[in-house]
Amino acid sequence: MEKLIFYFFAAILLFAATMVITVRNPVRAALFLVLAFFTSAAIWLMLHAEFLAISLVLVYVGAVLVLFLFVVMMLDIDLAPLKEGFTRYLPLGIVVAALIVVEMITVLNAPQFDVVPVESMEESNTKMLGRLLYTVYVYPFEIASVILTVAIVAAITLTLREHKRKLQDVGKQVAVRREDRVRLVNLRREKAKGDETP
C-alpha cells in the first residue's frame, strides 16, 4: 500500500512539474507549482523527513505567491486580461486544492507509515539536522548563505531601470533675465505685418 501511495504522489508531482513549464498562463503555472510543492512535501513526510516537509510548505508554498507577484511586476505583464478571466481559473484552483487535501489526509491518516513519535526517539529530526548544520557543515552553510545574498543583490541590480531625471542648475535659474523668458508682443503690429505679407 505504501508503494502505491508513493507512486500516486510521484505521478502527481511529475504531472504538476510538467504543467509548470508547459502552460502559457502564469496564473496556472503558479497553481501547478503550489501543487508540486505540496506533493514533494508529502513524499518527504513519507520518508520521515518532517522538518524538510514542513519547511517546504512554510517557505516555498508560503512565499510562492509573493515571488509570483514580484516576477509579474518586474516583467510588466498586463494583468487586466488575467483579472477578467478569474472565474475561468476557479475550477482549476478547486481541483488543485482538492488534490492537496486528499494528499494531506492520505499521508497523515495512513497507519502503515509507522511514524515514530518524537518522545520514543533519542533525538528529534530537527535537532539532528540543526546539530549537523551548525557543527559539521557550518562552513558550507555559511558559504551558501553568502552566495544567496550575492544572488539577491545581483537580481535587484539587474531589475533596476534607469530613469532619466532632469537636474536643476540653480546658477542658471538665478541668473536668468526677463528677456530670456518673456517676449512682449504688440498684437496690432503683428496683425498688420500678417496682412502685409502676400
N, C-alpha and C. Protein backbone atom coordinates (compact mmCIF):
# COMPACT_ATOMS: atom_id res chain seq x y z
N MET A 1 0.83 -1.21 0.00
CA MET A 1 0.00 0.00 0.00
C MET A 1 0.87 1.26 0.00
N GLU A 2 1.97 1.22 0.74
CA GLU A 2 2.85 2.39 0.82
C GLU A 2 3.46 2.70 -0.55
N LYS A 3 3.85 1.66 -1.29
CA LYS A 3 4.42 1.87 -2.63
C LYS A 3 3.38 2.46 -3.57
N LEU A 4 2.15 1.99 -3.44
CA LEU A 4 1.09 2.52 -4.30
C LEU A 4 0.86 4.00 -4.05
N ILE A 5 0.84 4.40 -2.77
CA ILE A 5 0.66 5.81 -2.45
C ILE A 5 1.86 6.63 -2.93
N PHE A 6 3.06 6.06 -2.79
CA PHE A 6 4.25 6.77 -3.26
C PHE A 6 4.19 7.00 -4.77
N TYR A 7 3.82 5.97 -5.53
CA TYR A 7 3.72 6.14 -6.98
C TYR A 7 2.61 7.11 -7.36
N PHE A 8 1.55 7.14 -6.56
CA PHE A 8 0.46 8.09 -6.81
C PHE A 8 0.97 9.52 -6.65
N PHE A 9 1.69 9.77 -5.54
CA PHE A 9 2.26 11.09 -5.32
C PHE A 9 3.30 11.45 -6.37
N ALA A 10 4.12 10.46 -6.75
CA ALA A 10 5.15 10.71 -7.77
C ALA A 10 4.53 11.07 -9.11
N ALA A 11 3.44 10.42 -9.47
CA ALA A 11 2.76 10.73 -10.73
C ALA A 11 2.18 12.14 -10.70
N ILE A 12 1.58 12.51 -9.55
CA ILE A 12 1.05 13.88 -9.43
C ILE A 12 2.18 14.90 -9.51
N LEU A 13 3.32 14.59 -8.87
CA LEU A 13 4.45 15.52 -8.90
C LEU A 13 5.00 15.70 -10.31
N LEU A 14 5.14 14.61 -11.05
CA LEU A 14 5.63 14.71 -12.43
C LEU A 14 4.64 15.48 -13.31
N PHE A 15 3.36 15.23 -13.12
CA PHE A 15 2.35 15.95 -13.91
C PHE A 15 2.37 17.44 -13.59
N ALA A 16 2.44 17.79 -12.28
CA ALA A 16 2.43 19.20 -11.90
C ALA A 16 3.69 19.91 -12.38
N ALA A 17 4.85 19.24 -12.27
CA ALA A 17 6.09 19.86 -12.73
C ALA A 17 6.09 20.07 -14.23
N THR A 18 5.52 19.12 -14.97
CA THR A 18 5.43 19.27 -16.43
C THR A 18 4.51 20.43 -16.80
N MET A 19 3.39 20.55 -16.09
CA MET A 19 2.45 21.63 -16.39
C MET A 19 3.03 23.00 -16.04
N VAL A 20 3.90 23.07 -15.03
CA VAL A 20 4.50 24.35 -14.66
C VAL A 20 5.30 24.92 -15.83
N ILE A 21 6.02 24.08 -16.55
CA ILE A 21 6.88 24.57 -17.62
C ILE A 21 6.22 24.54 -19.00
N THR A 22 5.02 23.99 -19.10
CA THR A 22 4.38 23.92 -20.42
C THR A 22 3.20 24.88 -20.58
N VAL A 23 2.51 25.23 -19.49
CA VAL A 23 1.37 26.14 -19.65
C VAL A 23 1.84 27.54 -19.96
N ARG A 24 1.05 28.26 -20.71
CA ARG A 24 1.41 29.62 -21.11
C ARG A 24 0.93 30.66 -20.11
N ASN A 25 -0.10 30.34 -19.37
CA ASN A 25 -0.67 31.30 -18.43
C ASN A 25 0.12 31.30 -17.13
N PRO A 26 0.60 32.44 -16.64
CA PRO A 26 1.37 32.45 -15.40
C PRO A 26 0.56 32.09 -14.16
N VAL A 27 -0.74 32.35 -14.16
CA VAL A 27 -1.57 32.01 -13.01
C VAL A 27 -1.68 30.49 -12.87
N ARG A 28 -1.92 29.81 -13.98
CA ARG A 28 -1.98 28.35 -13.94
C ARG A 28 -0.63 27.74 -13.57
N ALA A 29 0.45 28.33 -14.06
CA ALA A 29 1.77 27.82 -13.70
C ALA A 29 2.01 27.93 -12.20
N ALA A 30 1.58 29.02 -11.59
CA ALA A 30 1.74 29.18 -10.14
C ALA A 30 0.90 28.16 -9.37
N LEU A 31 -0.31 27.89 -9.83
CA LEU A 31 -1.15 26.89 -9.16
C LEU A 31 -0.53 25.50 -9.24
N PHE A 32 -0.01 25.14 -10.41
CA PHE A 32 0.64 23.83 -10.53
C PHE A 32 1.94 23.77 -9.73
N LEU A 33 2.62 24.91 -9.57
CA LEU A 33 3.83 24.94 -8.75
C LEU A 33 3.50 24.69 -7.28
N VAL A 34 2.40 25.26 -6.80
CA VAL A 34 1.96 25.00 -5.43
C VAL A 34 1.63 23.53 -5.25
N LEU A 35 0.96 22.93 -6.23
CA LEU A 35 0.65 21.50 -6.17
C LEU A 35 1.92 20.66 -6.14
N ALA A 36 2.91 21.04 -6.94
CA ALA A 36 4.18 20.30 -6.95
C ALA A 36 4.88 20.40 -5.60
N PHE A 37 4.86 21.58 -4.98
CA PHE A 37 5.49 21.73 -3.66
C PHE A 37 4.79 20.89 -2.60
N PHE A 38 3.46 20.90 -2.60
CA PHE A 38 2.73 20.11 -1.62
C PHE A 38 2.97 18.61 -1.82
N THR A 39 3.04 18.18 -3.07
CA THR A 39 3.29 16.76 -3.32
C THR A 39 4.70 16.37 -2.90
N SER A 40 5.67 17.24 -3.13
CA SER A 40 7.03 16.96 -2.67
C SER A 40 7.08 16.88 -1.15
N ALA A 41 6.36 17.77 -0.47
CA ALA A 41 6.30 17.72 0.99
C ALA A 41 5.67 16.43 1.48
N ALA A 42 4.65 15.94 0.78
CA ALA A 42 4.03 14.67 1.17
C ALA A 42 5.00 13.51 1.01
N ILE A 43 5.78 13.51 -0.07
CA ILE A 43 6.77 12.44 -0.27
C ILE A 43 7.85 12.51 0.80
N TRP A 44 8.30 13.71 1.15
CA TRP A 44 9.30 13.84 2.21
C TRP A 44 8.75 13.40 3.55
N LEU A 45 7.46 13.63 3.79
CA LEU A 45 6.85 13.17 5.03
C LEU A 45 6.79 11.65 5.08
N MET A 46 6.58 11.03 3.93
CA MET A 46 6.61 9.57 3.87
C MET A 46 8.01 9.03 4.18
N LEU A 47 9.03 9.80 3.85
CA LEU A 47 10.42 9.38 4.10
C LEU A 47 10.90 9.78 5.50
N HIS A 48 9.98 10.21 6.37
CA HIS A 48 10.27 10.61 7.75
C HIS A 48 11.19 11.82 7.81
N ALA A 49 11.13 12.69 6.84
CA ALA A 49 11.87 13.95 6.87
C ALA A 49 10.87 15.06 7.17
N GLU A 50 10.40 15.09 8.43
CA GLU A 50 9.33 16.00 8.79
C GLU A 50 9.75 17.46 8.70
N PHE A 51 11.00 17.74 9.11
CA PHE A 51 11.46 19.13 9.08
C PHE A 51 11.51 19.66 7.64
N LEU A 52 12.04 18.85 6.73
CA LEU A 52 12.11 19.29 5.33
C LEU A 52 10.72 19.48 4.74
N ALA A 53 9.79 18.60 5.11
CA ALA A 53 8.43 18.72 4.58
C ALA A 53 7.75 20.00 5.05
N ILE A 54 7.86 20.28 6.36
CA ILE A 54 7.17 21.47 6.87
C ILE A 54 7.87 22.75 6.42
N SER A 55 9.20 22.69 6.27
CA SER A 55 9.90 23.88 5.77
C SER A 55 9.57 24.13 4.31
N LEU A 56 9.38 23.08 3.53
CA LEU A 56 8.97 23.26 2.13
C LEU A 56 7.61 23.91 2.05
N VAL A 57 6.68 23.49 2.91
CA VAL A 57 5.34 24.07 2.88
C VAL A 57 5.37 25.52 3.35
N LEU A 58 6.09 25.77 4.46
CA LEU A 58 6.08 27.12 5.02
C LEU A 58 6.85 28.12 4.16
N VAL A 59 8.03 27.70 3.69
CA VAL A 59 8.88 28.64 2.97
C VAL A 59 8.43 28.80 1.52
N TYR A 60 8.35 27.69 0.80
CA TYR A 60 8.08 27.78 -0.63
C TYR A 60 6.61 28.04 -0.94
N VAL A 61 5.72 27.25 -0.33
CA VAL A 61 4.30 27.48 -0.61
C VAL A 61 3.86 28.81 -0.03
N GLY A 62 4.42 29.20 1.13
CA GLY A 62 4.06 30.48 1.70
C GLY A 62 4.60 31.66 0.93
N ALA A 63 5.73 31.47 0.24
CA ALA A 63 6.35 32.59 -0.46
C ALA A 63 6.14 32.55 -1.97
N VAL A 64 5.51 31.50 -2.49
CA VAL A 64 5.40 31.39 -3.95
C VAL A 64 4.51 32.48 -4.52
N LEU A 65 3.48 32.87 -3.79
CA LEU A 65 2.60 33.93 -4.31
C LEU A 65 3.33 35.27 -4.34
N VAL A 66 4.13 35.54 -3.29
CA VAL A 66 4.90 36.78 -3.27
C VAL A 66 5.92 36.79 -4.41
N LEU A 67 6.58 35.66 -4.62
CA LEU A 67 7.54 35.56 -5.72
C LEU A 67 6.85 35.73 -7.07
N PHE A 68 5.69 35.14 -7.22
CA PHE A 68 4.96 35.25 -8.47
C PHE A 68 4.58 36.71 -8.75
N LEU A 69 4.09 37.40 -7.73
CA LEU A 69 3.73 38.80 -7.91
C LEU A 69 4.95 39.67 -8.21
N PHE A 70 6.09 39.35 -7.59
CA PHE A 70 7.32 40.08 -7.87
C PHE A 70 7.74 39.92 -9.33
N VAL A 71 7.65 38.70 -9.84
CA VAL A 71 8.01 38.45 -11.24
C VAL A 71 7.05 39.16 -12.18
N VAL A 72 5.76 39.14 -11.84
CA VAL A 72 4.77 39.82 -12.68
C VAL A 72 5.06 41.32 -12.73
N MET A 73 5.42 41.90 -11.59
CA MET A 73 5.72 43.33 -11.57
C MET A 73 6.99 43.66 -12.35
N MET A 74 7.99 42.79 -12.27
CA MET A 74 9.25 43.06 -12.97
C MET A 74 9.11 42.90 -14.48
N LEU A 75 8.26 41.98 -14.92
CA LEU A 75 8.11 41.73 -16.36
C LEU A 75 7.04 42.61 -17.00
N ASP A 76 6.35 43.42 -16.22
CA ASP A 76 5.28 44.29 -16.73
C ASP A 76 4.22 43.52 -17.51
N ILE A 77 3.78 42.41 -16.93
CA ILE A 77 2.72 41.62 -17.57
C ILE A 77 1.39 42.34 -17.38
N ASP A 78 0.61 42.40 -18.45
CA ASP A 78 -0.69 43.06 -18.39
C ASP A 78 -1.65 42.17 -17.60
N LEU A 79 -2.06 42.65 -16.42
CA LEU A 79 -2.90 41.84 -15.55
C LEU A 79 -4.39 42.00 -15.83
N ALA A 80 -4.75 42.92 -16.70
CA ALA A 80 -6.18 43.14 -16.97
C ALA A 80 -6.86 41.90 -17.54
N PRO A 81 -6.27 41.22 -18.56
CA PRO A 81 -6.94 40.00 -19.05
C PRO A 81 -6.99 38.90 -18.00
N LEU A 82 -5.98 38.83 -17.12
CA LEU A 82 -5.97 37.80 -16.10
C LEU A 82 -7.06 38.04 -15.06
N LYS A 83 -7.28 39.33 -14.72
CA LYS A 83 -8.33 39.64 -13.76
C LYS A 83 -9.71 39.40 -14.35
N GLU A 84 -9.84 39.68 -15.66
CA GLU A 84 -11.14 39.47 -16.28
C GLU A 84 -11.51 37.99 -16.31
N GLY A 85 -10.54 37.12 -16.51
CA GLY A 85 -10.82 35.69 -16.61
C GLY A 85 -10.64 34.95 -15.30
N PHE A 86 -10.92 35.61 -14.16
CA PHE A 86 -10.72 34.97 -12.86
C PHE A 86 -11.62 33.75 -12.69
N THR A 87 -12.86 33.84 -13.17
CA THR A 87 -13.79 32.72 -13.00
C THR A 87 -13.38 31.52 -13.84
N ARG A 88 -12.60 31.74 -14.90
CA ARG A 88 -12.15 30.61 -15.70
C ARG A 88 -11.15 29.74 -14.95
N TYR A 89 -10.37 30.36 -14.03
CA TYR A 89 -9.35 29.61 -13.30
C TYR A 89 -9.89 29.00 -12.01
N LEU A 90 -11.13 29.31 -11.67
CA LEU A 90 -11.70 28.79 -10.43
C LEU A 90 -11.80 27.26 -10.42
N PRO A 91 -12.26 26.61 -11.50
CA PRO A 91 -12.30 25.13 -11.46
C PRO A 91 -10.92 24.50 -11.30
N LEU A 92 -9.91 25.05 -11.97
CA LEU A 92 -8.55 24.52 -11.82
C LEU A 92 -8.05 24.70 -10.39
N GLY A 93 -8.32 25.86 -9.79
CA GLY A 93 -7.93 26.09 -8.41
C GLY A 93 -8.61 25.13 -7.45
N ILE A 94 -9.89 24.82 -7.69
CA ILE A 94 -10.62 23.89 -6.84
C ILE A 94 -10.04 22.48 -6.97
N VAL A 95 -9.69 22.08 -8.20
CA VAL A 95 -9.10 20.75 -8.41
C VAL A 95 -7.75 20.64 -7.71
N VAL A 96 -6.91 21.68 -7.83
CA VAL A 96 -5.60 21.67 -7.16
C VAL A 96 -5.77 21.62 -5.65
N ALA A 97 -6.69 22.41 -5.11
CA ALA A 97 -6.93 22.41 -3.66
C ALA A 97 -7.45 21.06 -3.19
N ALA A 98 -8.33 20.44 -3.98
CA ALA A 98 -8.85 19.12 -3.60
C ALA A 98 -7.75 18.07 -3.60
N LEU A 99 -6.87 18.11 -4.60
CA LEU A 99 -5.75 17.17 -4.62
C LEU A 99 -4.83 17.35 -3.42
N ILE A 100 -4.59 18.60 -3.03
CA ILE A 100 -3.74 18.86 -1.86
C ILE A 100 -4.39 18.31 -0.60
N VAL A 101 -5.70 18.50 -0.45
CA VAL A 101 -6.40 17.99 0.74
C VAL A 101 -6.36 16.47 0.77
N VAL A 102 -6.56 15.82 -0.39
CA VAL A 102 -6.52 14.35 -0.45
C VAL A 102 -5.12 13.85 -0.08
N GLU A 103 -4.08 14.54 -0.57
CA GLU A 103 -2.71 14.13 -0.23
C GLU A 103 -2.46 14.24 1.27
N MET A 104 -2.88 15.35 1.86
CA MET A 104 -2.65 15.54 3.29
C MET A 104 -3.39 14.49 4.12
N ILE A 105 -4.64 14.20 3.77
CA ILE A 105 -5.41 13.20 4.51
C ILE A 105 -4.77 11.82 4.35
N THR A 106 -4.31 11.51 3.13
CA THR A 106 -3.71 10.19 2.88
C THR A 106 -2.44 10.00 3.68
N VAL A 107 -1.60 11.02 3.72
CA VAL A 107 -0.32 10.88 4.43
C VAL A 107 -0.52 10.87 5.93
N LEU A 108 -1.34 11.77 6.45
CA LEU A 108 -1.45 11.92 7.89
C LEU A 108 -2.29 10.83 8.56
N ASN A 109 -3.18 10.19 7.82
CA ASN A 109 -4.06 9.18 8.42
C ASN A 109 -3.69 7.75 8.04
N ALA A 110 -2.57 7.54 7.37
CA ALA A 110 -2.20 6.18 6.97
C ALA A 110 -1.40 5.51 8.09
N PRO A 111 -1.89 4.38 8.65
CA PRO A 111 -1.17 3.74 9.76
C PRO A 111 0.04 2.94 9.29
N GLN A 112 0.11 2.62 8.01
CA GLN A 112 1.21 1.78 7.55
C GLN A 112 2.53 2.53 7.43
N PHE A 113 2.52 3.85 7.61
CA PHE A 113 3.78 4.58 7.54
C PHE A 113 4.60 4.43 8.81
N ASP A 114 3.97 4.03 9.91
CA ASP A 114 4.65 3.79 11.18
C ASP A 114 5.49 5.00 11.59
N VAL A 115 4.85 6.15 11.70
CA VAL A 115 5.57 7.35 12.13
C VAL A 115 5.93 7.20 13.59
N VAL A 116 7.22 7.29 13.90
CA VAL A 116 7.68 7.10 15.27
C VAL A 116 7.46 8.40 16.04
N PRO A 117 6.82 8.36 17.20
CA PRO A 117 6.65 9.59 17.98
C PRO A 117 8.00 10.13 18.43
N VAL A 118 8.04 11.45 18.61
CA VAL A 118 9.29 12.09 18.98
C VAL A 118 9.75 11.67 20.36
N GLU A 119 8.80 11.36 21.27
CA GLU A 119 9.17 11.00 22.63
C GLU A 119 9.98 9.71 22.69
N SER A 120 9.69 8.78 21.75
CA SER A 120 10.39 7.50 21.79
C SER A 120 11.73 7.52 21.07
N MET A 121 12.03 8.62 20.37
CA MET A 121 13.31 8.72 19.68
C MET A 121 14.33 9.38 20.61
N GLU A 122 15.59 9.08 20.36
CA GLU A 122 16.65 9.69 21.16
C GLU A 122 16.74 11.20 20.88
N GLU A 123 16.66 11.57 19.62
CA GLU A 123 16.71 12.96 19.23
C GLU A 123 15.68 13.19 18.14
N SER A 124 15.14 14.39 18.09
CA SER A 124 14.19 14.70 17.04
C SER A 124 14.93 14.96 15.73
N ASN A 125 14.18 14.88 14.67
CA ASN A 125 14.75 15.09 13.33
C ASN A 125 15.31 16.50 13.19
N THR A 126 14.60 17.47 13.74
CA THR A 126 15.04 18.86 13.64
C THR A 126 16.33 19.08 14.43
N LYS A 127 16.43 18.46 15.61
CA LYS A 127 17.62 18.63 16.44
C LYS A 127 18.85 18.02 15.76
N MET A 128 18.69 16.85 15.17
CA MET A 128 19.81 16.22 14.47
C MET A 128 20.25 17.05 13.27
N LEU A 129 19.27 17.59 12.53
CA LEU A 129 19.61 18.41 11.37
C LEU A 129 20.31 19.70 11.78
N GLY A 130 19.83 20.34 12.85
CA GLY A 130 20.48 21.55 13.34
C GLY A 130 21.89 21.29 13.84
N ARG A 131 22.10 20.16 14.51
CA ARG A 131 23.43 19.83 15.00
C ARG A 131 24.40 19.62 13.84
N LEU A 132 23.94 18.96 12.78
CA LEU A 132 24.81 18.75 11.61
C LEU A 132 25.12 20.06 10.90
N LEU A 133 24.09 20.91 10.76
CA LEU A 133 24.29 22.16 10.02
C LEU A 133 25.26 23.09 10.73
N TYR A 134 25.18 23.17 12.04
CA TYR A 134 25.98 24.16 12.76
C TYR A 134 27.24 23.59 13.40
N THR A 135 27.56 22.33 13.12
CA THR A 135 28.84 21.78 13.60
C THR A 135 29.66 21.24 12.44
N VAL A 136 29.17 20.21 11.79
CA VAL A 136 29.94 19.55 10.74
C VAL A 136 29.93 20.38 9.46
N TYR A 137 28.77 20.90 9.09
CA TYR A 137 28.64 21.60 7.81
C TYR A 137 28.47 23.11 8.00
N VAL A 138 29.11 23.69 9.00
CA VAL A 138 28.91 25.11 9.27
C VAL A 138 29.52 25.97 8.17
N TYR A 139 30.70 25.61 7.65
CA TYR A 139 31.32 26.43 6.60
C TYR A 139 30.57 26.34 5.28
N PRO A 140 30.18 25.15 4.79
CA PRO A 140 29.34 25.14 3.58
C PRO A 140 28.02 25.87 3.75
N PHE A 141 27.45 25.81 4.97
CA PHE A 141 26.19 26.50 5.24
C PHE A 141 26.37 28.01 5.14
N GLU A 142 27.46 28.53 5.71
CA GLU A 142 27.73 29.97 5.65
C GLU A 142 28.07 30.41 4.22
N ILE A 143 28.82 29.59 3.49
CA ILE A 143 29.15 29.92 2.10
C ILE A 143 27.88 29.97 1.24
N ALA A 144 26.98 29.02 1.48
CA ALA A 144 25.71 29.03 0.74
C ALA A 144 24.89 30.28 1.05
N SER A 145 24.91 30.72 2.30
CA SER A 145 24.16 31.94 2.65
C SER A 145 24.76 33.17 1.97
N VAL A 146 26.11 33.23 1.88
CA VAL A 146 26.74 34.36 1.20
C VAL A 146 26.42 34.35 -0.29
N ILE A 147 26.43 33.16 -0.89
CA ILE A 147 26.11 33.05 -2.33
C ILE A 147 24.67 33.49 -2.59
N LEU A 148 23.74 33.10 -1.70
CA LEU A 148 22.35 33.52 -1.87
C LEU A 148 22.19 35.03 -1.71
N THR A 149 22.94 35.61 -0.78
CA THR A 149 22.87 37.07 -0.61
C THR A 149 23.38 37.79 -1.85
N VAL A 150 24.50 37.29 -2.41
CA VAL A 150 25.03 37.89 -3.64
C VAL A 150 24.03 37.74 -4.79
N ALA A 151 23.36 36.59 -4.86
CA ALA A 151 22.37 36.38 -5.92
C ALA A 151 21.19 37.34 -5.77
N ILE A 152 20.76 37.60 -4.54
CA ILE A 152 19.65 38.54 -4.33
C ILE A 152 20.06 39.95 -4.74
N VAL A 153 21.27 40.37 -4.34
CA VAL A 153 21.75 41.70 -4.72
C VAL A 153 21.88 41.82 -6.24
N ALA A 154 22.38 40.76 -6.89
CA ALA A 154 22.52 40.77 -8.35
C ALA A 154 21.15 40.85 -9.04
N ALA A 155 20.17 40.12 -8.51
CA ALA A 155 18.83 40.17 -9.11
C ALA A 155 18.21 41.56 -8.98
N ILE A 156 18.39 42.19 -7.82
CA ILE A 156 17.85 43.55 -7.64
C ILE A 156 18.56 44.52 -8.57
N THR A 157 19.88 44.36 -8.73
CA THR A 157 20.63 45.26 -9.60
C THR A 157 20.21 45.09 -11.06
N LEU A 158 19.96 43.86 -11.49
CA LEU A 158 19.56 43.62 -12.88
C LEU A 158 18.16 44.16 -13.18
N THR A 159 17.29 44.18 -12.17
CA THR A 159 15.92 44.63 -12.43
C THR A 159 15.75 46.13 -12.29
N LEU A 160 16.77 46.83 -11.82
CA LEU A 160 16.65 48.29 -11.72
C LEU A 160 16.64 48.91 -13.12
N ARG A 161 15.75 49.84 -13.32
CA ARG A 161 15.67 50.53 -14.60
C ARG A 161 16.17 51.95 -14.41
N GLU A 162 16.92 52.41 -15.40
CA GLU A 162 17.43 53.77 -15.32
C GLU A 162 16.36 54.75 -15.78
N HIS A 163 16.08 55.71 -14.93
CA HIS A 163 15.11 56.75 -15.27
C HIS A 163 15.86 58.04 -15.55
N LYS A 164 15.53 58.67 -16.67
CA LYS A 164 16.17 59.94 -17.00
C LYS A 164 15.52 61.04 -16.16
N ARG A 165 16.32 61.64 -15.32
CA ARG A 165 15.81 62.71 -14.47
C ARG A 165 16.39 64.04 -14.92
N LYS A 166 15.58 65.06 -14.85
CA LYS A 166 16.03 66.40 -15.18
C LYS A 166 16.62 67.03 -13.93
N LEU A 167 17.88 67.40 -14.02
CA LEU A 167 18.56 68.02 -12.88
C LEU A 167 18.48 69.54 -12.99
N GLN A 168 18.33 70.19 -11.87
CA GLN A 168 18.24 71.65 -11.83
C GLN A 168 19.63 72.26 -11.70
N ASP A 169 19.82 73.34 -12.46
CA ASP A 169 21.04 74.14 -12.32
C ASP A 169 20.62 75.45 -11.67
N VAL A 170 20.87 75.58 -10.39
CA VAL A 170 20.40 76.74 -9.63
C VAL A 170 21.06 78.02 -10.12
N GLY A 171 22.34 77.93 -10.52
CA GLY A 171 23.04 79.12 -11.00
C GLY A 171 22.38 79.71 -12.23
N LYS A 172 21.98 78.85 -13.17
CA LYS A 172 21.30 79.33 -14.38
C LYS A 172 19.92 79.89 -14.04
N GLN A 173 19.24 79.28 -13.10
CA GLN A 173 17.91 79.77 -12.74
C GLN A 173 17.98 81.15 -12.08
N VAL A 174 19.00 81.39 -11.28
CA VAL A 174 19.13 82.69 -10.61
C VAL A 174 19.56 83.77 -11.59
N ALA A 175 20.43 83.41 -12.54
CA ALA A 175 20.99 84.41 -13.46
C ALA A 175 20.09 84.68 -14.66
N VAL A 176 18.92 84.12 -14.71
CA VAL A 176 18.05 84.31 -15.86
C VAL A 176 17.51 85.74 -15.90
N ARG A 177 17.31 86.28 -17.11
CA ARG A 177 16.77 87.63 -17.30
C ARG A 177 15.36 87.54 -17.83
N ARG A 178 14.68 88.66 -17.69
CA ARG A 178 13.30 88.70 -18.16
C ARG A 178 13.23 88.52 -19.67
N GLU A 179 14.21 89.08 -20.38
CA GLU A 179 14.19 88.99 -21.84
C GLU A 179 14.38 87.55 -22.32
N ASP A 180 15.00 86.71 -21.50
CA ASP A 180 15.21 85.31 -21.90
C ASP A 180 13.93 84.47 -21.75
N ARG A 181 13.02 84.90 -20.92
CA ARG A 181 11.84 84.10 -20.63
C ARG A 181 10.55 84.67 -21.22
N VAL A 182 10.45 86.00 -21.29
CA VAL A 182 9.19 86.63 -21.69
C VAL A 182 9.42 87.47 -22.93
N ARG A 183 8.53 87.34 -23.90
CA ARG A 183 8.59 88.18 -25.10
C ARG A 183 7.26 88.92 -25.22
N LEU A 184 7.32 90.25 -25.18
CA LEU A 184 6.12 91.07 -25.28
C LEU A 184 5.77 91.25 -26.75
N VAL A 185 4.54 91.05 -27.05
CA VAL A 185 4.08 91.10 -28.44
C VAL A 185 2.99 92.16 -28.55
N ASN A 186 3.16 93.03 -29.55
CA ASN A 186 2.14 94.03 -29.86
C ASN A 186 1.21 93.39 -30.89
N LEU A 187 0.00 93.11 -30.50
CA LEU A 187 -0.92 92.37 -31.36
C LEU A 187 -1.30 93.15 -32.61
N ARG A 188 -1.47 94.48 -32.50
CA ARG A 188 -1.84 95.27 -33.68
C ARG A 188 -0.71 95.26 -34.69
N ARG A 189 0.52 95.43 -34.23
CA ARG A 189 1.66 95.45 -35.15
C ARG A 189 1.83 94.08 -35.81
N GLU A 190 1.68 93.01 -35.01
CA GLU A 190 1.82 91.67 -35.58
C GLU A 190 0.71 91.38 -36.59
N LYS A 191 -0.47 91.89 -36.31
CA LYS A 191 -1.57 91.67 -37.25
C LYS A 191 -1.34 92.44 -38.53
N ALA A 192 -0.82 93.65 -38.42
CA ALA A 192 -0.54 94.45 -39.62
C ALA A 192 0.55 93.79 -40.47
N LYS A 193 1.57 93.24 -39.80
CA LYS A 193 2.61 92.52 -40.55
C LYS A 193 2.01 91.32 -41.26
N GLY A 194 1.08 90.66 -40.60
CA GLY A 194 0.49 89.48 -41.24
C GLY A 194 -0.35 89.85 -42.44
N ASP A 195 -1.00 91.01 -42.41
CA ASP A 195 -1.79 91.45 -43.55
C ASP A 195 -0.93 91.89 -44.71
N GLU A 196 0.27 92.44 -44.42
CA GLU A 196 1.15 92.92 -45.47
C GLU A 196 1.80 91.78 -46.24
N THR A 197 2.04 90.69 -45.59
CA THR A 197 2.72 89.57 -46.28
C THR A 197 1.78 88.95 -47.30
N PRO A 198 2.29 88.69 -48.54
CA PRO A 198 1.42 88.15 -49.60
C PRO A 198 1.05 86.71 -49.32
